[in-house]
Protein backbone atom coordinates (compact mmCIF):
# COMPACT_ATOMS: atom_id res chain seq x y z
CA UNK A 1 145.63 145.22 108.75
CA UNK A 2 143.07 142.59 107.69
CA UNK A 3 139.88 141.21 109.10
CA UNK A 4 138.44 137.74 109.05
CA UNK A 5 134.98 137.13 107.64
CA UNK A 6 133.19 134.17 109.20
CA UNK A 7 130.60 132.60 106.91
CA UNK A 8 127.24 132.17 108.60
CA UNK A 9 126.62 128.81 106.89
CA UNK A 10 129.90 127.49 108.24
CA UNK A 11 129.05 128.86 111.66
CA UNK A 12 125.80 126.92 111.73
CA UNK A 13 127.56 123.70 110.75
CA UNK A 14 130.21 124.25 113.39
CA UNK A 15 127.69 124.72 116.18
CA UNK A 16 125.87 121.58 115.08
CA UNK A 17 129.15 119.66 115.16
CA UNK A 18 129.88 120.86 118.68
CA UNK A 19 126.46 119.78 119.89
CA UNK A 20 126.91 116.35 118.35
CA UNK A 21 130.26 115.92 120.07
CA UNK A 22 129.14 116.75 123.60
CA UNK A 23 131.54 119.61 123.27
CA UNK A 24 131.22 123.32 123.62
CA UNK A 25 131.14 126.77 122.35
CA UNK A 26 132.31 128.67 119.45
CA UNK A 27 131.58 129.83 116.05
CA UNK A 28 133.41 128.53 113.19
CA UNK A 29 134.93 129.30 110.01
CA UNK A 30 136.86 129.21 106.82
CA UNK A 31 138.42 132.64 106.97
CA UNK A 32 138.50 135.11 104.12
CA UNK A 33 140.80 138.08 104.70
CA UNK A 34 139.55 141.43 103.45
CA UNK A 35 140.82 144.97 103.70
CA UNK A 36 139.21 147.59 105.92
CA UNK A 37 139.21 151.35 105.61
CA UNK A 38 139.20 153.85 108.48
CA UNK A 39 135.69 154.88 109.50
CA UNK A 40 134.51 158.25 110.77
CA UNK A 41 135.29 159.03 114.38
CA UNK A 42 131.98 160.74 115.15
CA UNK A 43 129.38 158.95 117.22
CA UNK A 44 126.92 157.01 115.14
CA UNK A 45 123.33 156.10 115.98
CA UNK A 46 122.35 152.45 116.13
CA UNK A 47 121.26 150.86 112.89
CA UNK A 48 117.81 149.42 112.37
CA UNK A 49 117.78 146.27 114.44
CA UNK A 50 115.60 143.31 115.35
CA UNK A 51 113.31 143.76 118.36
CA UNK A 52 114.84 143.36 121.79
CA UNK A 53 114.66 140.04 123.58
CA UNK A 54 111.29 139.21 125.10
CA UNK A 55 110.96 139.38 128.88
CA UNK A 56 111.90 136.37 130.96
CA UNK A 57 109.24 133.72 131.38
CA UNK A 58 108.70 130.77 133.66
CA UNK A 59 105.79 129.32 131.71
CA UNK A 60 105.55 126.54 129.18
CA UNK A 61 108.85 125.09 128.03
CA UNK A 62 110.67 127.54 130.32
CA UNK A 63 109.58 125.61 133.40
CA UNK A 64 112.43 124.45 135.60
CA UNK A 65 113.75 120.91 135.86
CA UNK A 66 116.52 118.87 137.50
CA UNK A 67 117.04 121.58 140.11
CA UNK A 68 117.38 124.27 137.43
CA UNK A 69 115.38 127.48 137.16
CA UNK A 70 115.32 129.02 133.68
CA UNK A 71 115.25 132.57 132.35
CA UNK A 72 114.18 132.47 128.71
CA UNK A 73 114.29 134.96 125.85
CA UNK A 74 118.05 135.31 125.49
CA UNK A 75 119.94 134.22 122.39
CA UNK A 76 122.99 131.99 122.85
CA UNK A 77 124.22 133.52 126.11
CA UNK A 78 127.64 131.91 125.75
CA UNK A 79 129.29 133.86 128.56
CA UNK A 80 128.06 135.37 131.84
CA UNK A 81 129.63 137.91 134.19
CA UNK A 82 128.41 139.54 137.38
CA UNK A 83 128.12 143.30 137.87
CA UNK A 84 128.35 142.88 141.62
CA UNK A 85 127.55 146.40 142.82
CA UNK A 86 124.44 146.51 140.62
CA UNK A 87 123.06 142.99 141.29
CA UNK A 88 123.03 142.35 137.56
CA UNK A 89 124.36 139.62 135.27
CA UNK A 90 125.85 140.61 131.92
CA UNK A 91 125.32 137.99 129.21
CA UNK A 92 126.77 137.73 125.73
CA UNK A 93 124.60 136.78 122.79
CA UNK A 94 126.23 134.95 119.92
CA UNK A 95 124.77 135.45 116.45
CA UNK A 96 122.17 132.97 115.20
CA UNK A 97 123.65 131.71 111.94
CA UNK A 98 120.58 129.73 110.92
CA UNK A 99 118.21 132.67 111.32
CA UNK A 100 120.72 135.25 110.06
CA UNK A 101 120.31 137.21 113.32
CA UNK A 102 123.27 139.26 114.61
CA UNK A 103 124.80 139.28 118.08
CA UNK A 104 123.34 140.69 121.28
CA UNK A 105 124.33 141.68 124.79
CA UNK A 106 121.95 141.42 127.73
CA UNK A 107 121.55 142.58 131.31
CA UNK A 108 119.63 140.27 133.63
CA UNK A 109 118.33 141.57 136.96
CA UNK A 110 119.21 138.88 139.51
CA UNK A 111 116.20 139.80 141.68
CA UNK A 112 113.39 140.30 139.16
CA UNK A 113 114.95 138.19 136.36
CA UNK A 114 114.04 140.96 133.90
CA UNK A 115 116.10 140.90 130.67
CA UNK A 116 117.30 144.13 129.03
CA UNK A 117 118.79 144.25 125.52
CA UNK A 118 121.91 146.42 125.22
CA UNK A 119 123.57 146.34 121.77
CA UNK A 120 120.36 146.01 119.77
CA UNK A 121 118.46 148.29 122.15
CA UNK A 122 117.54 152.00 122.01
CA UNK A 123 120.33 153.25 124.29
CA UNK A 124 123.27 151.96 122.26
CA UNK A 125 125.69 154.40 120.64
CA UNK A 126 129.04 154.21 118.87
CA UNK A 127 131.75 156.76 119.63
CA UNK A 128 135.24 155.70 118.55
CA UNK A 129 137.98 156.52 121.07
CA UNK A 130 140.78 157.01 118.56
CA UNK A 131 143.32 157.81 121.27
CA UNK A 132 142.94 154.44 122.97
CA UNK A 133 142.17 152.45 119.82
CA UNK A 134 143.83 154.26 116.89
CA UNK A 135 144.13 151.16 114.70
CA UNK A 136 140.49 150.08 114.98
CA UNK A 137 138.89 150.27 111.49
CA UNK A 138 135.75 151.94 112.81
CA UNK A 139 132.29 151.31 114.26
CA UNK A 140 130.58 147.93 114.44
CA UNK A 141 128.46 146.57 111.65
CA UNK A 142 125.46 145.75 113.82
CA UNK A 143 124.09 143.29 111.29
CA UNK A 144 127.26 141.18 111.05
CA UNK A 145 128.88 140.57 114.40
CA UNK A 146 128.71 138.16 117.31
CA UNK A 147 129.32 138.74 121.01
CA UNK A 148 131.25 135.76 122.39
CA UNK A 149 133.52 136.00 125.47
CA UNK A 150 133.19 138.77 128.07
CA UNK A 151 135.41 140.61 130.53
CA UNK A 152 134.40 143.59 132.67
CA UNK A 153 135.91 146.06 135.11
CA UNK A 154 134.09 148.72 137.13
CA UNK A 155 136.00 151.89 136.20
CA UNK A 156 133.77 154.38 138.05
CA UNK A 157 130.62 154.19 140.19
CA UNK A 158 127.90 152.57 138.06
CA UNK A 159 130.22 152.47 135.02
CA UNK A 160 131.91 149.39 133.56
CA UNK A 161 134.45 148.80 130.83
CA UNK A 162 133.32 145.77 128.80
CA UNK A 163 135.68 143.77 126.56
CA UNK A 164 134.30 141.09 124.23
CA UNK A 165 135.62 138.66 121.67
CA UNK A 166 133.66 139.12 118.48
CA UNK A 167 133.35 137.52 115.06
CA UNK A 168 131.64 138.45 111.82
CA UNK A 169 132.84 141.32 109.69
CA UNK A 170 136.08 141.36 111.68
CA UNK A 171 137.79 139.16 114.24
CA UNK A 172 138.50 141.54 117.10
CA UNK A 173 138.26 142.36 120.74
CA UNK A 174 135.50 144.98 120.85
CA UNK A 175 135.40 147.45 123.74
CA UNK A 176 132.34 149.14 125.24
CA UNK A 177 131.42 151.34 128.17
CA UNK A 178 128.30 150.45 130.14
CA UNK A 179 126.66 153.11 132.28
CA UNK A 180 123.90 152.48 134.80
CA UNK A 181 123.91 156.04 136.10
CA UNK A 182 120.81 157.11 134.15
CA UNK A 183 117.21 156.00 134.21
CA UNK A 184 118.00 153.22 131.72
CA UNK A 185 121.20 151.24 131.05
CA UNK A 186 123.30 152.79 128.26
CA UNK A 187 125.99 150.97 126.29
CA UNK A 188 128.53 152.79 124.11
CA UNK A 189 130.97 151.12 121.73
CA UNK A 190 134.43 152.71 122.18
CA UNK A 191 136.79 150.86 119.86
CA UNK A 192 138.42 147.58 118.97
CA UNK A 193 141.69 145.72 118.63
CA UNK A 194 141.76 143.62 115.46
CA UNK A 195 143.37 140.24 116.06
CA UNK A 196 146.01 138.61 113.83
CA UNK A 197 144.98 136.86 110.65
CA UNK A 198 144.06 133.18 110.86
CA UNK A 199 142.60 133.66 114.34
CA UNK A 200 139.32 132.45 115.74
CA UNK A 201 139.25 133.89 119.26
CA UNK A 202 137.23 132.64 122.17
CA UNK A 203 137.66 134.34 125.55
CA UNK A 204 139.23 137.55 126.81
CA UNK A 205 140.43 138.82 130.18
CA UNK A 206 140.92 142.57 130.69
CA UNK A 207 144.15 143.66 132.40
CA UNK A 208 144.59 146.50 134.88
CA UNK A 209 146.23 148.84 132.34
CA UNK A 210 143.33 148.46 129.89
CA UNK A 211 145.10 145.77 127.91
CA UNK A 212 143.99 142.17 127.66
CA UNK A 213 144.90 138.55 127.14
CA UNK A 214 142.79 136.58 124.68
CA UNK A 215 142.67 132.97 123.53
CA UNK A 216 143.10 131.89 119.94
CA UNK A 217 141.05 128.72 119.77
CA UNK A 218 142.10 127.74 116.27
CA UNK A 219 142.92 128.81 112.76
CA UNK A 220 139.46 129.26 111.20
CA UNK A 221 140.69 127.80 107.92
CA UNK A 222 141.47 124.52 109.72
CA UNK A 223 138.12 124.35 111.49
CA UNK A 224 136.96 122.34 114.45
CA UNK A 225 138.44 119.12 113.07
CA UNK A 226 141.88 120.43 114.02
CA UNK A 227 140.79 120.50 117.67
CA UNK A 228 139.11 117.11 117.53
CA UNK A 229 142.42 115.61 116.44
CA UNK A 230 144.00 116.82 119.69
CA UNK A 231 146.79 118.78 118.04
CA UNK A 232 148.01 122.25 118.95
CA UNK A 233 145.59 124.75 117.42
CA UNK A 234 145.99 128.00 119.32
CA UNK A 235 147.61 130.03 122.06
CA UNK A 236 147.22 133.13 124.21
CA UNK A 237 147.69 136.63 122.75
CA UNK A 238 148.50 139.72 124.81
CA UNK A 239 147.83 143.40 124.04
CA UNK A 240 148.61 146.61 125.92
CA UNK A 241 147.53 150.15 124.99
CA UNK A 242 149.90 151.63 122.44
CA UNK A 243 151.31 148.23 121.51
CA UNK A 244 150.68 145.37 119.12
CA UNK A 245 148.91 142.07 119.64
CA UNK A 246 151.63 139.55 120.49
CA UNK A 247 151.57 135.79 121.05
CA UNK A 248 152.81 134.69 124.47
CA UNK A 249 155.49 132.08 123.87
CA UNK A 250 154.85 128.76 125.58
CA UNK A 251 151.05 129.07 125.70
CA UNK A 252 150.31 126.80 122.74
CA UNK A 253 147.30 124.56 123.42
CA UNK A 254 144.69 122.36 121.78
CA UNK A 255 141.56 124.50 121.51
CA UNK A 256 142.49 127.34 123.89
CA UNK A 257 139.11 128.40 125.25
CA UNK A 258 138.17 130.11 128.53
CA UNK A 259 140.68 132.40 130.24
CA UNK A 260 141.05 134.01 133.67
CA UNK A 261 143.86 136.00 135.26
CA UNK A 262 144.89 136.07 138.92
CA UNK A 263 144.37 139.39 140.75
CA UNK A 264 148.12 140.12 140.66
CA UNK A 265 148.20 139.12 136.95
CA UNK A 266 150.97 136.60 137.59
CA UNK A 267 148.95 133.53 136.61
CA UNK A 268 146.85 132.93 133.52
CA UNK A 269 144.35 130.07 133.66
CA UNK A 270 143.16 128.61 130.35
CA UNK A 271 140.71 125.84 129.49
CA UNK A 272 142.18 123.58 126.82
CA UNK A 273 139.09 122.38 124.99
CA UNK A 274 140.84 119.78 122.83
CA UNK A 275 142.96 118.09 125.48
CA UNK A 276 140.36 118.52 128.28
CA UNK A 277 142.67 120.28 130.66
CA UNK A 278 142.80 123.36 132.86
CA UNK A 279 146.23 124.92 132.38
CA UNK A 280 147.96 127.40 134.69
CA UNK A 281 150.66 129.58 133.17
CA UNK A 282 153.12 131.40 135.44
CA UNK A 283 154.18 134.63 133.72
CA UNK A 284 156.85 135.37 136.34
CA UNK A 285 159.22 132.76 134.93
CA UNK A 286 161.15 132.62 131.68
CA UNK A 287 160.27 130.49 129.82
CA UNK A 288 156.71 130.70 131.03
CA UNK A 289 155.77 128.09 133.64
CA UNK A 290 153.03 125.60 132.84
CA UNK A 291 151.00 123.17 134.96
CA UNK A 292 147.87 121.31 133.89
CA UNK A 293 145.15 119.11 135.32
CA UNK A 294 142.90 116.80 133.30
CA UNK A 295 139.12 117.15 133.72
CA UNK A 296 136.11 114.96 132.91
CA UNK A 297 134.35 117.66 130.91
CA UNK A 298 135.07 119.47 127.67
CA UNK A 299 136.01 122.72 129.46
CA UNK A 300 134.76 126.05 128.20
CA UNK A 301 134.74 129.37 130.05
CA UNK A 302 136.63 129.99 133.29
CA UNK A 303 135.29 132.30 136.02
CA UNK A 304 136.31 133.24 139.56
CA UNK A 305 133.92 132.16 142.34
CA UNK A 306 133.16 134.15 145.48
CA UNK A 307 135.64 132.11 147.50
CA UNK A 308 138.55 132.49 145.10
CA UNK A 309 138.15 129.23 143.22
CA UNK A 310 137.76 128.78 139.46
CA UNK A 311 134.38 127.74 138.05
CA UNK A 312 134.45 125.88 134.74
CA UNK A 313 131.47 124.59 132.76
CA UNK A 314 131.28 122.20 129.84
CA UNK A 315 129.71 119.14 128.30
CA UNK A 316 130.50 115.84 129.98
CA UNK A 317 133.27 114.08 128.10
CA UNK A 318 131.90 111.26 125.90
CA UNK A 319 133.09 107.72 126.42
CA UNK A 320 136.12 106.63 124.47
CA UNK A 321 135.22 105.81 120.88
CA UNK A 322 131.68 107.12 121.19
CA UNK A 323 130.41 109.53 118.52
CA UNK A 324 127.17 111.32 117.74
CA UNK A 325 124.02 112.24 119.62
CA UNK A 326 123.79 108.85 121.34
CA UNK A 327 126.91 109.77 123.32
CA UNK A 328 125.35 112.82 124.99
CA UNK A 329 125.56 112.63 128.77
CA UNK A 330 124.70 116.21 129.72
CA UNK A 331 126.97 118.78 131.31
CA UNK A 332 128.73 119.66 134.53
CA UNK A 333 130.12 122.59 136.48
CA UNK A 334 133.42 121.99 138.23
CA UNK A 335 135.45 124.00 140.72
CA UNK A 336 139.24 124.16 140.45
CA UNK A 337 141.54 125.23 143.27
CA UNK A 338 143.87 127.83 141.67
CA UNK A 339 146.82 126.77 143.85
CA UNK A 340 146.57 122.98 143.95
CA UNK A 341 144.51 122.53 140.76
CA UNK A 342 142.30 120.09 142.68
CA UNK A 343 138.99 119.54 140.85
CA UNK A 344 135.52 119.14 142.43
CA UNK A 345 132.20 118.71 140.59
CA UNK A 346 129.51 120.99 142.04
CA UNK A 347 126.52 120.40 139.78
CA UNK A 348 125.10 119.76 136.35
CA UNK A 349 122.28 118.11 134.41
CA UNK A 350 121.82 115.12 132.17
CA UNK A 351 121.12 115.00 128.44
CA UNK A 352 117.35 115.27 128.96
CA UNK A 353 117.46 118.82 130.30
CA UNK A 354 116.30 121.57 127.94
CA UNK A 355 119.49 123.51 128.65
CA UNK A 356 122.43 121.95 126.80
CA UNK A 357 125.63 123.27 125.24
CA UNK A 358 126.51 124.79 128.61
CA UNK A 359 129.56 126.99 128.28
CA UNK A 360 129.80 129.28 131.32
CA UNK A 361 129.24 129.07 135.08
CA UNK A 362 128.97 132.06 137.39
CA UNK A 363 128.36 132.29 141.12
CA UNK A 364 125.69 134.81 142.11
CA UNK A 365 125.10 134.77 145.87
CA UNK A 366 124.18 131.17 146.69
CA UNK A 367 123.35 130.16 143.13
CA UNK A 368 125.35 128.96 140.14
CA UNK A 369 124.21 130.55 136.88
CA UNK A 370 124.96 128.78 133.59
CA UNK A 371 124.93 129.99 129.99
CA UNK A 372 124.92 128.19 126.66
CA UNK A 373 126.40 128.73 123.22
CA UNK A 374 123.29 127.66 121.31
CA UNK A 375 120.16 127.87 123.46
CA UNK A 376 117.36 130.36 124.18
CA UNK A 377 117.85 130.56 127.95
CA UNK A 378 120.15 130.73 130.92
CA UNK A 379 119.68 128.70 134.05
CA UNK A 380 120.65 128.66 137.69
CA UNK A 381 120.71 126.16 140.51
CA UNK A 382 121.35 126.38 144.25
CA UNK A 383 124.88 125.67 145.29
CA UNK A 384 125.00 123.10 148.05
């Protein structure tokens, strides 16, 4: 099995291109396959790492605006998920290609707004579960990885299984176990599922059996230009314990991005970044059923709201024929009815807000939290 190495210089260029397009998240890549060797199974201590993120601040350039309140000191929190029973938000942290800084994962207390570093913090360990993940090459290289999309499931009281899409030394779904049972949060890496060659993944949704579905956004060798052209660039992969990663026939899309699965796992909802659509796949039919609705944003991550709707965030779509920074019109959060696919805008900000590149929306009580693929903060605003 091979891995995909994503060049940091290419990653920086890709993020800059996304920002210039009013588009959204992802890292980018010419891919260079390279062989991997099995690594020791024993738990490994964390490597020397950069200091943890600074505490949240509401001073200076972190002051709120346009109805937004900011929490600063987090690096490229591309995806957000709620740990409901703990009143915490889990945030991914994509690597900073320009500063050569690796990925992060954060916990944010929804009451105090305190930020805790997980992967690059003192309570991170690596203990490969070779029974569940026998084909994983071995522990993470903590200096060359990026935490992108997130999916979680509470598997025991105060314990969550965390699945992430990750780039860097390998293109894989990385799996962790997060425990809040002790005095301090503790995160343990458990294993990985390496994705097929020529894959740049984006979002993942954990399934009830411990498997997952994951989006291939594009072939990294083709780059973001392949999505800008509107052609088919990716699809949805599926994996179950003991099996292989398989493409789901009929899920081909332009820039497959965010993904969510219905509670009964019949429907898969995917944001098509390139065609600006939210697509619903019905896995109960053969061939797979497909319905889509066009949206006025460049859709990124997809999350369930408290009332059973789908929340989708993304940059406002530029006007036809418009290119470059002058076309920036800010971002929006929309709500999609999972049955009718009716779309309603519920908030956003214009191009003058400090928070741009918005990629994820999450409902926490009466607020909508938003993350970004390239900023230093997350934000939230009151839902009307």
